[in-house]
Protein backbone atom coordinates (compact mmCIF):
# COMPACT_ATOMS: atom_id res chain seq x y z
CA UNK A 1 42.92 223.73 -32.32
CA UNK A 2 43.16 223.62 -28.71
CA UNK A 3 41.87 221.07 -25.71
CA UNK A 4 37.87 221.81 -25.85
CA UNK A 5 37.58 224.83 -27.83
CA UNK A 6 35.92 224.84 -31.58
CA UNK A 7 36.87 228.26 -33.21
CA UNK A 8 33.70 229.87 -34.45
CA UNK A 9 36.01 230.58 -38.13
CA UNK A 10 36.25 226.70 -38.55
CA UNK A 11 32.51 226.47 -37.80
CA UNK A 12 31.31 229.62 -40.28
CA UNK A 13 33.24 227.74 -43.12
CA UNK A 14 31.73 224.48 -42.19
CA UNK A 15 28.21 226.13 -42.59
CA UNK A 16 29.18 227.62 -46.03
CA UNK A 17 30.89 224.74 -47.29
CA UNK A 18 27.74 222.79 -46.35
CA UNK A 19 24.83 225.43 -48.16
CA UNK A 20 23.70 223.53 -50.83
CA UNK A 21 25.27 220.07 -50.00
CA UNK A 22 23.30 219.37 -46.86
CA UNK A 23 20.28 219.94 -46.39
CA UNK A 24 18.38 222.50 -43.73
CA UNK A 25 16.20 219.51 -41.85
CA UNK A 26 12.62 220.53 -40.36
CA UNK A 27 11.64 220.90 -37.48
CA UNK A 28 8.24 219.15 -36.40
CA UNK A 29 6.00 218.88 -34.25
CA UNK A 30 3.03 217.40 -32.61
CA UNK A 31 -0.12 218.83 -30.62
CA UNK A 32 -1.37 215.98 -29.06
CA UNK A 33 2.30 214.81 -28.07
CA UNK A 34 2.71 218.48 -26.28
CA UNK A 35 -0.68 218.11 -25.12
CA UNK A 36 -0.74 214.97 -23.46
CA UNK A 37 2.91 215.69 -21.93
CA UNK A 38 2.64 219.37 -21.63
CA UNK A 39 6.06 219.88 -23.80
CA UNK A 40 6.60 222.51 -26.18
CA UNK A 41 8.52 220.49 -28.63
CA UNK A 42 10.39 220.62 -31.57
CA UNK A 43 12.19 217.58 -33.07
CA UNK A 44 15.21 218.53 -34.95
CA UNK A 45 15.05 216.12 -38.27
CA UNK A 46 17.93 214.61 -38.84
CA UNK A 47 16.86 211.69 -40.47
CA UNK A 48 15.53 213.25 -43.06
CA UNK A 49 19.58 214.75 -43.63
CA UNK A 50 21.58 213.72 -46.85
CA UNK A 51 22.38 209.03 -45.70
CA UNK A 52 19.64 209.52 -43.21
CA UNK A 53 21.72 211.06 -40.36
CA UNK A 54 23.89 213.79 -38.88
CA UNK A 55 26.35 212.43 -40.09
CA UNK A 56 27.03 213.88 -43.45
CA UNK A 57 27.66 217.42 -42.20
CA UNK A 58 31.05 216.19 -40.29
CA UNK A 59 31.78 213.89 -42.99
CA UNK A 60 30.95 215.98 -45.77
CA UNK A 61 32.83 219.19 -44.43
CA UNK A 62 35.86 217.11 -44.01
CA UNK A 63 36.07 214.94 -47.54
CA UNK A 64 35.54 218.03 -49.46
CA UNK A 65 38.35 219.17 -48.17
CA UNK A 66 40.78 216.50 -48.74
CA UNK A 67 39.43 216.29 -52.00
CA UNK A 68 40.37 220.03 -52.90
CA UNK A 69 44.30 218.48 -51.08
CA UNK A 70 44.41 215.46 -53.34
CA UNK A 71 44.30 212.53 -51.72
CA UNK A 72 45.96 208.98 -52.03
CA UNK A 73 44.02 206.07 -52.77
CA UNK A 74 40.80 207.41 -51.15
CA UNK A 75 39.20 208.14 -48.03
CA UNK A 76 38.82 205.23 -44.89
CA UNK A 77 36.77 204.97 -41.76
CA UNK A 78 36.00 202.44 -38.66
CA UNK A 79 32.05 203.24 -38.50
CA UNK A 80 28.42 201.33 -37.01
CA UNK A 81 27.38 202.77 -39.76
CA UNK A 82 26.11 205.69 -39.93
CA UNK A 83 29.12 207.51 -40.10
CA UNK A 84 29.76 205.16 -42.71
CA UNK A 85 27.29 205.51 -44.86
CA UNK A 86 27.85 209.64 -44.75
CA UNK A 87 31.62 208.93 -45.87
CA UNK A 88 30.41 206.61 -48.50
CA UNK A 89 28.14 209.05 -49.95
CA UNK A 90 30.69 212.66 -49.48
CA UNK A 91 33.44 210.18 -50.85
CA UNK A 92 31.09 209.69 -54.49
CA UNK A 93 30.41 213.58 -54.20
CA UNK A 94 33.85 214.06 -53.95
CA UNK A 95 34.90 211.50 -56.83
CA UNK A 96 36.92 209.76 -54.03
CA UNK A 97 36.98 205.78 -53.07
CA UNK A 98 35.62 205.11 -50.20
CA UNK A 99 36.51 202.10 -47.98
CA UNK A 100 34.28 201.22 -45.01
CA UNK A 101 34.66 199.08 -42.39
CA UNK A 102 32.59 198.28 -40.29
CA UNK A 103 31.64 195.30 -37.12
CA UNK A 104 30.11 192.09 -37.81
CA UNK A 105 27.10 192.79 -36.74
CA UNK A 106 26.50 195.94 -38.18
CA UNK A 107 22.94 197.14 -39.20
CA UNK A 108 22.05 195.87 -42.84
CA UNK A 109 20.08 198.83 -43.62
CA UNK A 110 23.49 200.54 -42.64
CA UNK A 111 26.06 198.93 -44.41
CA UNK A 112 23.57 198.69 -47.63
CA UNK A 113 23.65 202.41 -48.24
CA UNK A 114 27.29 202.74 -47.59
CA UNK A 115 27.41 199.96 -50.80
CA UNK A 116 24.86 201.87 -53.06
CA UNK A 117 26.76 204.95 -52.63
CA UNK A 118 29.53 203.49 -54.46
CA UNK A 119 31.65 202.71 -50.94
CA UNK A 120 33.49 199.00 -49.82
CA UNK A 121 32.37 197.08 -46.78
CA UNK A 122 34.64 195.01 -44.68
CA UNK A 123 33.30 193.72 -41.75
CA UNK A 124 35.53 193.92 -38.70
CA UNK A 125 34.37 191.56 -35.49
CA UNK A 126 32.29 193.18 -33.23
CA UNK A 127 34.08 195.84 -31.14
CA UNK A 128 35.15 199.12 -32.08
CA UNK A 129 38.76 198.49 -31.13
CA UNK A 130 39.12 195.82 -33.82
CA UNK A 131 37.75 198.30 -36.32
CA UNK A 132 39.14 201.29 -35.40
CA UNK A 133 43.53 199.16 -35.98
CA UNK A 134 42.00 197.78 -39.22
CA UNK A 135 41.03 201.17 -39.95
CA UNK A 136 44.58 203.39 -38.96
CA UNK A 137 46.12 200.11 -40.57
CA UNK A 138 44.72 200.75 -43.54
CA UNK A 139 46.25 204.55 -43.59
CA UNK A 140 49.00 203.54 -42.79
CA UNK A 141 49.78 200.77 -44.95
CA UNK A 142 47.60 201.38 -47.79
CA UNK A 143 48.05 204.66 -48.84
CA UNK A 144 44.08 205.55 -47.75
CA UNK A 145 43.11 208.88 -45.42
CA UNK A 146 41.77 208.72 -42.30
CA UNK A 147 38.13 210.00 -41.32
CA UNK A 148 37.24 209.85 -37.71
CA UNK A 149 34.00 209.54 -36.88
CA UNK A 150 33.72 212.41 -34.01
CA UNK A 151 36.99 213.36 -32.75
CA UNK A 152 38.57 215.53 -35.57
CA UNK A 153 37.52 219.27 -35.72
CA UNK A 154 36.63 219.38 -39.24
CA UNK A 155 34.17 216.75 -37.72
CA UNK A 156 33.17 218.87 -35.35
CA UNK A 157 32.35 222.00 -36.79
CA UNK A 158 30.03 220.37 -39.55
CA UNK A 159 28.13 218.73 -36.41
CA UNK A 160 28.00 222.11 -35.06
CA UNK A 161 25.79 223.12 -38.45
CA UNK A 162 22.61 221.70 -36.31
CA UNK A 163 23.19 223.94 -33.68
CA UNK A 164 23.00 227.44 -35.82
CA UNK A 165 19.91 226.45 -37.42
CA UNK A 166 17.92 225.26 -34.29
CA UNK A 167 18.97 228.84 -33.16
CA UNK A 168 17.94 230.16 -36.42
CA UNK A 169 14.24 228.01 -37.22
CA UNK A 170 13.40 227.97 -33.20
CA UNK A 171 15.41 231.58 -31.78
CA UNK A 172 13.41 231.56 -28.03
CA UNK A 173 14.82 227.62 -27.92
CA UNK A 174 15.67 226.73 -24.07
CA UNK A 175 17.01 223.99 -23.85
CA UNK A 176 18.35 221.18 -26.94
CA UNK A 177 18.56 217.47 -25.96
CA UNK A 178 21.24 215.47 -27.95
CA UNK A 179 21.82 212.00 -28.05
CA UNK A 180 25.68 210.86 -27.49
CA UNK A 181 27.26 208.67 -29.18
CA UNK A 182 30.74 209.55 -28.91
CA UNK A 183 30.15 213.30 -28.90
CA UNK A 184 30.60 214.79 -31.78
CA UNK A 185 27.32 215.92 -32.15
CA UNK A 186 26.67 217.52 -28.73
CA UNK A 187 29.73 219.18 -28.57
CA UNK A 188 29.06 220.50 -32.08
CA UNK A 189 25.96 221.56 -31.38
CA UNK A 190 26.66 222.77 -27.62
CA UNK A 191 29.53 224.86 -29.15
CA UNK A 192 27.51 226.83 -31.92
CA UNK A 193 24.82 227.21 -29.50
CA UNK A 194 26.57 228.85 -26.06
CA UNK A 195 29.19 231.35 -28.56
CA UNK A 196 25.10 232.38 -30.10
CA UNK A 197 23.08 231.54 -26.96
CA UNK A 198 24.71 231.01 -23.83
CA UNK A 199 21.32 231.12 -21.71
CA UNK A 200 20.42 227.26 -24.45
CA UNK A 201 20.51 224.70 -21.67
CA UNK A 202 22.67 221.53 -23.40
CA UNK A 203 21.28 218.38 -22.54
CA UNK A 204 22.78 215.05 -23.18
CA UNK A 205 21.18 211.68 -23.49
CA UNK A 206 22.89 208.27 -23.76
CA UNK A 207 21.22 204.86 -22.92
CA UNK A 208 21.44 202.94 -19.94
CA UNK A 209 22.95 200.41 -21.07
CA UNK A 210 25.78 202.33 -22.32
CA UNK A 211 26.71 205.59 -20.80
CA UNK A 212 30.63 206.40 -21.10
CA UNK A 213 29.57 210.59 -21.43
CA UNK A 214 27.44 209.99 -18.35
CA UNK A 215 29.54 208.22 -15.95
CA UNK A 216 32.73 210.08 -16.81
CA UNK A 217 31.13 213.78 -15.47
CA UNK A 218 30.11 210.60 -12.34
CA UNK A 219 33.78 209.64 -12.13
CA UNK A 220 35.19 213.17 -12.78
CA UNK A 221 37.13 211.93 -15.39
CA UNK A 222 37.20 210.19 -18.79
CA UNK A 223 36.43 207.13 -18.42
CA UNK A 224 36.30 203.91 -20.39
CA UNK A 225 33.54 201.15 -19.95
CA UNK A 226 33.04 197.43 -20.93
CA UNK A 227 31.22 197.62 -24.46
CA UNK A 228 27.31 198.06 -23.17
CA UNK A 229 23.87 196.60 -24.29
CA UNK A 230 21.37 198.46 -25.78
CA UNK A 231 18.94 198.78 -28.73
CA UNK A 232 20.03 201.82 -29.52
CA UNK A 233 23.65 200.88 -31.78
CA UNK A 234 24.61 204.31 -32.84
CA UNK A 235 25.58 205.58 -29.21
CA UNK A 236 27.21 202.21 -27.84
CA UNK A 237 30.75 203.71 -27.19
CA UNK A 238 32.96 202.66 -24.82
CA UNK A 239 34.65 205.63 -24.24
CA UNK A 240 34.23 209.43 -24.78
CA UNK A 241 36.31 211.38 -28.01
CA UNK A 242 39.75 212.75 -26.89
CA UNK A 243 38.13 216.33 -28.23
CA UNK A 244 33.78 215.52 -27.24
CA UNK A 245 35.46 214.92 -24.36
CA UNK A 246 36.26 218.16 -22.75
CA UNK A 247 33.71 219.78 -24.62
CA UNK A 248 31.21 217.95 -23.19
CA UNK A 249 32.12 218.82 -19.53
CA UNK A 250 32.69 222.75 -20.18
CA UNK A 251 29.61 223.14 -22.18
CA UNK A 252 26.93 220.44 -22.01
CA UNK A 253 24.96 221.36 -18.84
CA UNK A 254 23.88 218.03 -18.23
CA UNK A 255 23.87 214.08 -19.35
CA UNK A 256 21.03 211.82 -18.60
CA UNK A 257 19.78 208.13 -19.62
CA UNK A 258 17.02 206.53 -20.90
CA UNK A 259 15.55 203.01 -21.04
CA UNK A 260 15.81 201.17 -24.15
CA UNK A 261 12.09 200.67 -23.04
CA UNK A 262 11.56 204.29 -23.96
CA UNK A 263 14.09 204.32 -26.69
CA UNK A 264 11.32 202.30 -28.15
CA UNK A 265 8.86 204.01 -27.10
CA UNK A 266 9.83 206.99 -28.23
CA UNK A 267 10.38 205.71 -31.62
CA UNK A 268 6.45 204.06 -31.80
CA UNK A 269 5.36 208.28 -30.68
CA UNK A 270 7.94 209.28 -33.94
CA UNK A 271 6.10 206.96 -36.30
CA UNK A 272 2.70 207.10 -35.17
CA UNK A 273 2.45 211.36 -34.19
CA UNK A 274 5.22 213.18 -35.96
CA UNK A 275 4.92 209.96 -39.16
CA UNK A 276 8.56 210.35 -38.89
CA UNK A 277 10.67 207.05 -39.70
CA UNK A 278 13.10 207.04 -36.62
CA UNK A 279 16.11 204.61 -35.41
CA UNK A 280 16.66 204.02 -32.21
CA UNK A 281 19.49 205.46 -31.64
CA UNK A 282 17.99 208.60 -33.34
CA UNK A 283 14.85 208.19 -29.93
CA UNK A 284 17.30 208.51 -27.15
CA UNK A 285 16.74 212.16 -26.55
CA UNK A 286 13.62 212.84 -28.06
CA UNK A 287 12.40 209.53 -25.00
CA UNK A 288 14.07 211.52 -22.73
CA UNK A 289 11.07 214.27 -23.34
CA UNK A 290 8.54 212.31 -23.78
CA UNK A 291 9.29 210.59 -20.41
CA UNK A 292 6.33 210.77 -17.44
CA UNK A 293 5.90 213.68 -16.01
CA UNK A 294 8.86 215.08 -18.05
CA UNK A 295 10.94 216.98 -17.07
CA UNK A 296 11.10 219.63 -18.91
CA UNK A 297 7.05 220.11 -18.47
CA UNK A 298 6.07 224.43 -20.02
CA UNK A 299 9.97 224.65 -21.77
CA UNK A 300 10.27 225.35 -25.19
CA UNK A 301 12.87 222.42 -26.57
CA UNK A 302 14.08 220.59 -29.06
CA UNK A 303 14.87 217.38 -29.43
CA UNK A 304 17.77 216.03 -32.25
CA UNK A 305 16.41 213.49 -33.76
CA UNK A 306 19.45 211.85 -34.80
CA UNK A 307 18.89 209.72 -37.35
CA UNK A 308 16.75 207.39 -39.77
CA UNK A 309 18.59 203.66 -40.63
CA UNK A 310 16.71 201.48 -39.77
CA UNK A 311 16.47 197.75 -41.84
CA UNK A 312 12.40 197.76 -42.31
CA UNK A 313 12.58 193.73 -40.11
CA UNK A 314 14.33 195.51 -37.13
CA UNK A 315 11.41 198.56 -37.56
CA UNK A 316 8.48 195.77 -37.57
CA UNK A 317 10.05 193.48 -34.74
CA UNK A 318 9.81 197.35 -32.95
CA UNK A 319 6.71 197.81 -33.81
CA UNK A 320 5.53 193.86 -32.98
CA UNK A 321 7.27 193.75 -29.67
């Protein structure tokens, strides 16, 4: 895979591999919210995906291939939560052992999910560099095969299938809103969508407190930022991926940010009006759409709800606040 290019045949192979394994997640709508904000908004419910997030697509696409080739000891990854759970489930489905390295402050719900799938979970520091170093050490010294959370062609190809499904489910879509962490989801979606429908605008959404892609575009280069503070833990990234950054710059039409307050409000609207549970990271794209006045008024828009793994205690705290 050359820099910034994800071949169409790789995405198609991922689509075939995921058929019957990943859920075809629905497009949810709310007529009341559309009327309130002047939108035609569809919500791609990846919070209803296996393992509770879009991450299953990329994880299964890569892990299943590793299983076919024959891994050494099993698979290992470093993850703030959703990717770890996805790798754990993919490993269980393919008969592999899984070792997940998570931050010391990882979501209890996400840790519990990975452990329920049979993975060994190891807590290592709060910083992503610490987790990555430990996972790479296990891969190099103890014989595990490393599964990156986003910077791998097969992971990106798996995430790209979200874009293929949106085009099938909403043929007249004009704008697709995608939350950005490391950039794997938006890189995959943008590649698939722009190849088929170049006129569709793809917009990346980051929390104000952790906006590595947004600030990188402002600076004109791939920028490392200090660890941010945001309730959207799955979007806390200090630097865009080596593979994903050039793809974002080439294919993503705009990058925007939203406040934590807007994310919480979106999470509440999703729960009360759409009747679906979404974690803060998964609500970021909808939060941008539901601003007053909405910058997308009158457009046929789809926002990706990227995940739904939120602990009941955290959800109760957010709702009470």
